[in-house]
């Protein structure tokens, strides 16, 4: 894998879907092997279900769940 795009998220399912689709629609003329990793910090808005659904179309999409333990924590997710 040449590049991993890591997207930390918390309850932003609509914005996340648009971002993922935009990234996968980019033209890869350089032949770079890349993937997207979504790191979910305890979302409750259907983020996991959306990523699982869209990953059927985009095989280079991975999902990682990190519980937010009371307060969302960007540093922990990164």
N, C-alpha and C. Protein backbone atom coordinates (compact mmCIF):
# COMPACT_ATOMS: atom_id res chain seq x y z
N UNK A 1 0.85 -1.18 0.00
CA UNK A 1 0.00 0.00 0.00
C UNK A 1 0.89 1.24 0.00
N UNK A 2 0.67 2.14 -0.95
CA UNK A 2 1.46 3.35 -1.04
C UNK A 2 0.94 4.46 -0.13
N UNK A 3 -0.39 4.62 -0.08
CA UNK A 3 -0.98 5.72 0.69
C UNK A 3 -2.21 5.22 1.44
N UNK A 4 -2.31 5.62 2.69
CA UNK A 4 -3.52 5.39 3.49
C UNK A 4 -4.09 6.75 3.87
N UNK A 5 -5.34 6.98 3.51
CA UNK A 5 -6.04 8.21 3.89
C UNK A 5 -6.85 7.85 5.13
N UNK A 6 -6.54 8.49 6.24
CA UNK A 6 -7.21 8.19 7.50
C UNK A 6 -8.19 9.32 7.81
N UNK A 7 -9.46 8.93 8.00
CA UNK A 7 -10.51 9.91 8.26
C UNK A 7 -11.09 9.66 9.66
N UNK A 8 -10.72 10.49 10.65
CA UNK A 8 -11.37 10.37 11.96
C UNK A 8 -12.76 11.00 11.87
N UNK A 9 -13.75 10.38 12.53
CA UNK A 9 -15.12 10.90 12.43
C UNK A 9 -15.90 10.68 13.70
N UNK A 10 -16.89 11.54 13.92
CA UNK A 10 -17.84 11.40 15.02
C UNK A 10 -19.16 12.03 14.59
N UNK A 11 -20.17 11.19 14.38
CA UNK A 11 -21.52 11.64 14.04
C UNK A 11 -21.57 12.63 12.87
N UNK A 12 -20.90 12.27 11.78
CA UNK A 12 -20.90 13.10 10.56
C UNK A 12 -21.18 12.22 9.35
N UNK A 13 -22.17 11.35 9.44
CA UNK A 13 -22.40 10.33 8.43
C UNK A 13 -22.60 10.90 7.03
N UNK A 14 -23.37 11.97 6.88
CA UNK A 14 -23.62 12.53 5.54
C UNK A 14 -22.37 13.14 4.93
N UNK A 15 -21.64 13.91 5.71
CA UNK A 15 -20.40 14.51 5.24
C UNK A 15 -19.36 13.44 4.92
N UNK A 16 -19.31 12.41 5.76
CA UNK A 16 -18.37 11.32 5.56
C UNK A 16 -18.66 10.59 4.26
N UNK A 17 -19.91 10.28 3.99
CA UNK A 17 -20.28 9.59 2.75
C UNK A 17 -19.83 10.40 1.53
N UNK A 18 -20.09 11.69 1.53
CA UNK A 18 -19.69 12.54 0.40
C UNK A 18 -18.18 12.56 0.23
N UNK A 19 -17.47 12.63 1.35
CA UNK A 19 -16.00 12.66 1.30
C UNK A 19 -15.42 11.37 0.75
N UNK A 20 -15.95 10.23 1.20
CA UNK A 20 -15.48 8.94 0.72
C UNK A 20 -15.74 8.80 -0.78
N UNK A 21 -16.95 9.13 -1.20
CA UNK A 21 -17.28 9.02 -2.61
C UNK A 21 -16.40 9.93 -3.46
N UNK A 22 -16.14 11.13 -2.98
CA UNK A 22 -15.27 12.07 -3.70
C UNK A 22 -13.87 11.50 -3.85
N UNK A 23 -13.32 10.94 -2.78
CA UNK A 23 -11.98 10.36 -2.85
C UNK A 23 -11.91 9.19 -3.84
N UNK A 24 -12.90 8.31 -3.80
CA UNK A 24 -12.88 7.16 -4.69
C UNK A 24 -13.16 7.53 -6.14
N UNK A 25 -13.72 8.69 -6.40
CA UNK A 25 -13.97 9.11 -7.77
C UNK A 25 -12.79 9.87 -8.39
N UNK A 26 -11.72 10.05 -7.64
CA UNK A 26 -10.53 10.71 -8.17
C UNK A 26 -9.86 9.82 -9.21
N UNK A 27 -9.29 10.42 -10.20
CA UNK A 27 -8.54 9.68 -11.23
C UNK A 27 -7.14 9.39 -10.69
N UNK A 28 -6.73 8.14 -10.80
CA UNK A 28 -5.41 7.72 -10.32
C UNK A 28 -4.52 7.42 -11.52
N UNK A 29 -3.97 8.46 -12.11
CA UNK A 29 -3.15 8.29 -13.31
C UNK A 29 -1.71 7.88 -12.98
N UNK A 30 -1.31 8.00 -11.72
CA UNK A 30 0.06 7.67 -11.32
C UNK A 30 0.21 6.20 -10.92
N UNK A 31 -0.90 5.46 -10.85
CA UNK A 31 -0.84 4.06 -10.47
C UNK A 31 -0.54 3.83 -9.00
N UNK A 32 -0.91 4.77 -8.17
CA UNK A 32 -0.67 4.66 -6.74
C UNK A 32 -1.69 3.72 -6.11
N UNK A 33 -1.21 2.81 -5.27
CA UNK A 33 -2.09 1.90 -4.54
C UNK A 33 -2.47 2.58 -3.23
N UNK A 34 -3.77 2.79 -3.00
CA UNK A 34 -4.19 3.54 -1.82
C UNK A 34 -5.46 2.97 -1.22
N UNK A 35 -5.72 3.38 0.02
CA UNK A 35 -6.89 2.92 0.76
C UNK A 35 -7.42 4.06 1.62
N UNK A 36 -8.66 3.90 2.08
CA UNK A 36 -9.25 4.83 3.05
C UNK A 36 -9.55 4.05 4.31
N UNK A 37 -9.14 4.61 5.45
CA UNK A 37 -9.44 4.02 6.75
C UNK A 37 -10.28 5.02 7.52
N UNK A 38 -11.51 4.63 7.86
CA UNK A 38 -12.40 5.48 8.65
C UNK A 38 -12.24 5.05 10.10
N UNK A 39 -11.88 6.01 10.96
CA UNK A 39 -11.74 5.74 12.39
C UNK A 39 -12.89 6.45 13.09
N UNK A 40 -13.83 5.67 13.58
CA UNK A 40 -15.06 6.17 14.19
C UNK A 40 -14.89 6.29 15.70
N UNK A 41 -15.06 7.50 16.22
CA UNK A 41 -14.89 7.77 17.64
C UNK A 41 -16.22 7.69 18.39
N UNK A 42 -16.92 6.56 18.27
CA UNK A 42 -18.14 6.33 19.03
C UNK A 42 -19.40 6.92 18.44
N UNK A 43 -19.48 7.05 17.12
CA UNK A 43 -20.67 7.63 16.49
C UNK A 43 -21.93 6.83 16.80
N UNK A 44 -23.05 7.55 16.86
CA UNK A 44 -24.35 6.93 17.11
C UNK A 44 -25.35 7.24 16.00
N UNK A 45 -24.84 7.71 14.86
CA UNK A 45 -25.70 8.17 13.77
C UNK A 45 -25.75 7.23 12.56
N UNK A 46 -25.31 6.00 12.72
CA UNK A 46 -25.33 5.06 11.61
C UNK A 46 -24.07 5.07 10.76
N UNK A 47 -23.00 5.63 11.28
CA UNK A 47 -21.74 5.68 10.55
C UNK A 47 -21.25 4.29 10.17
N UNK A 48 -21.26 3.36 11.11
CA UNK A 48 -20.78 2.01 10.83
C UNK A 48 -21.58 1.36 9.71
N UNK A 49 -22.89 1.49 9.77
CA UNK A 49 -23.74 0.88 8.76
C UNK A 49 -23.49 1.50 7.38
N UNK A 50 -23.29 2.81 7.33
CA UNK A 50 -23.02 3.47 6.06
C UNK A 50 -21.69 3.00 5.48
N UNK A 51 -20.66 2.92 6.31
CA UNK A 51 -19.35 2.48 5.82
C UNK A 51 -19.42 1.04 5.33
N UNK A 52 -20.10 0.18 6.08
CA UNK A 52 -20.25 -1.21 5.65
C UNK A 52 -21.00 -1.30 4.32
N UNK A 53 -22.01 -0.48 4.16
CA UNK A 53 -22.79 -0.47 2.92
C UNK A 53 -21.96 0.00 1.73
N UNK A 54 -21.24 1.09 1.92
CA UNK A 54 -20.47 1.68 0.82
C UNK A 54 -19.21 0.86 0.52
N UNK A 55 -18.73 0.08 1.48
CA UNK A 55 -17.52 -0.71 1.25
C UNK A 55 -17.76 -1.84 0.25
N UNK A 56 -19.02 -2.17 -0.01
CA UNK A 56 -19.33 -3.17 -1.04
C UNK A 56 -18.97 -2.63 -2.42
N UNK A 57 -19.06 -1.33 -2.57
CA UNK A 57 -18.72 -0.68 -3.83
C UNK A 57 -17.23 -0.36 -3.90
N UNK A 58 -16.65 0.01 -2.78
CA UNK A 58 -15.24 0.40 -2.71
C UNK A 58 -14.50 -0.57 -1.78
N UNK A 59 -13.80 -1.55 -2.34
CA UNK A 59 -13.14 -2.57 -1.53
C UNK A 59 -11.96 -2.03 -0.72
N UNK A 60 -11.42 -0.90 -1.07
CA UNK A 60 -10.27 -0.36 -0.35
C UNK A 60 -10.69 0.61 0.74
N UNK A 61 -11.78 0.27 1.40
CA UNK A 61 -12.32 1.07 2.49
C UNK A 61 -12.37 0.21 3.74
N UNK A 62 -11.71 0.67 4.80
CA UNK A 62 -11.71 -0.08 6.06
C UNK A 62 -12.33 0.78 7.17
N UNK A 63 -12.87 0.09 8.16
CA UNK A 63 -13.56 0.76 9.26
C UNK A 63 -12.96 0.31 10.58
N UNK A 64 -12.71 1.27 11.45
CA UNK A 64 -12.17 0.99 12.79
C UNK A 64 -13.00 1.78 13.80
N UNK A 65 -13.50 1.10 14.83
CA UNK A 65 -14.31 1.73 15.86
C UNK A 65 -13.48 1.93 17.12
N UNK A 66 -13.48 3.16 17.63
CA UNK A 66 -12.79 3.49 18.87
C UNK A 66 -13.82 4.13 19.80
N UNK A 67 -14.19 3.45 20.90
CA UNK A 67 -15.18 4.04 21.82
C UNK A 67 -14.71 5.40 22.33
N UNK A 68 -15.65 6.33 22.46
CA UNK A 68 -15.24 7.68 22.88
C UNK A 68 -15.19 7.86 24.39
N UNK A 69 -15.59 6.87 25.17
CA UNK A 69 -15.46 6.91 26.63
C UNK A 69 -15.89 8.26 27.22
N UNK A 70 -17.15 8.61 27.03
CA UNK A 70 -17.79 9.79 27.61
C UNK A 70 -17.58 11.08 26.84
N UNK A 71 -16.41 11.31 26.26
CA UNK A 71 -16.14 12.56 25.54
C UNK A 71 -15.41 12.22 24.24
N UNK A 72 -15.89 12.75 23.10
CA UNK A 72 -15.16 12.52 21.86
C UNK A 72 -13.73 13.04 21.99
N UNK A 73 -12.76 12.31 21.47
CA UNK A 73 -11.37 12.65 21.66
C UNK A 73 -10.61 12.49 20.34
N UNK A 74 -10.43 13.57 19.63
CA UNK A 74 -9.74 13.53 18.33
C UNK A 74 -8.31 13.01 18.45
N UNK A 75 -7.63 13.41 19.50
CA UNK A 75 -6.24 12.97 19.66
C UNK A 75 -6.15 11.46 19.76
N UNK A 76 -7.04 10.86 20.51
CA UNK A 76 -7.04 9.40 20.67
C UNK A 76 -7.30 8.72 19.34
N UNK A 77 -8.24 9.24 18.57
CA UNK A 77 -8.57 8.64 17.30
C UNK A 77 -7.41 8.75 16.32
N UNK A 78 -6.77 9.88 16.28
CA UNK A 78 -5.63 10.06 15.35
C UNK A 78 -4.51 9.14 15.72
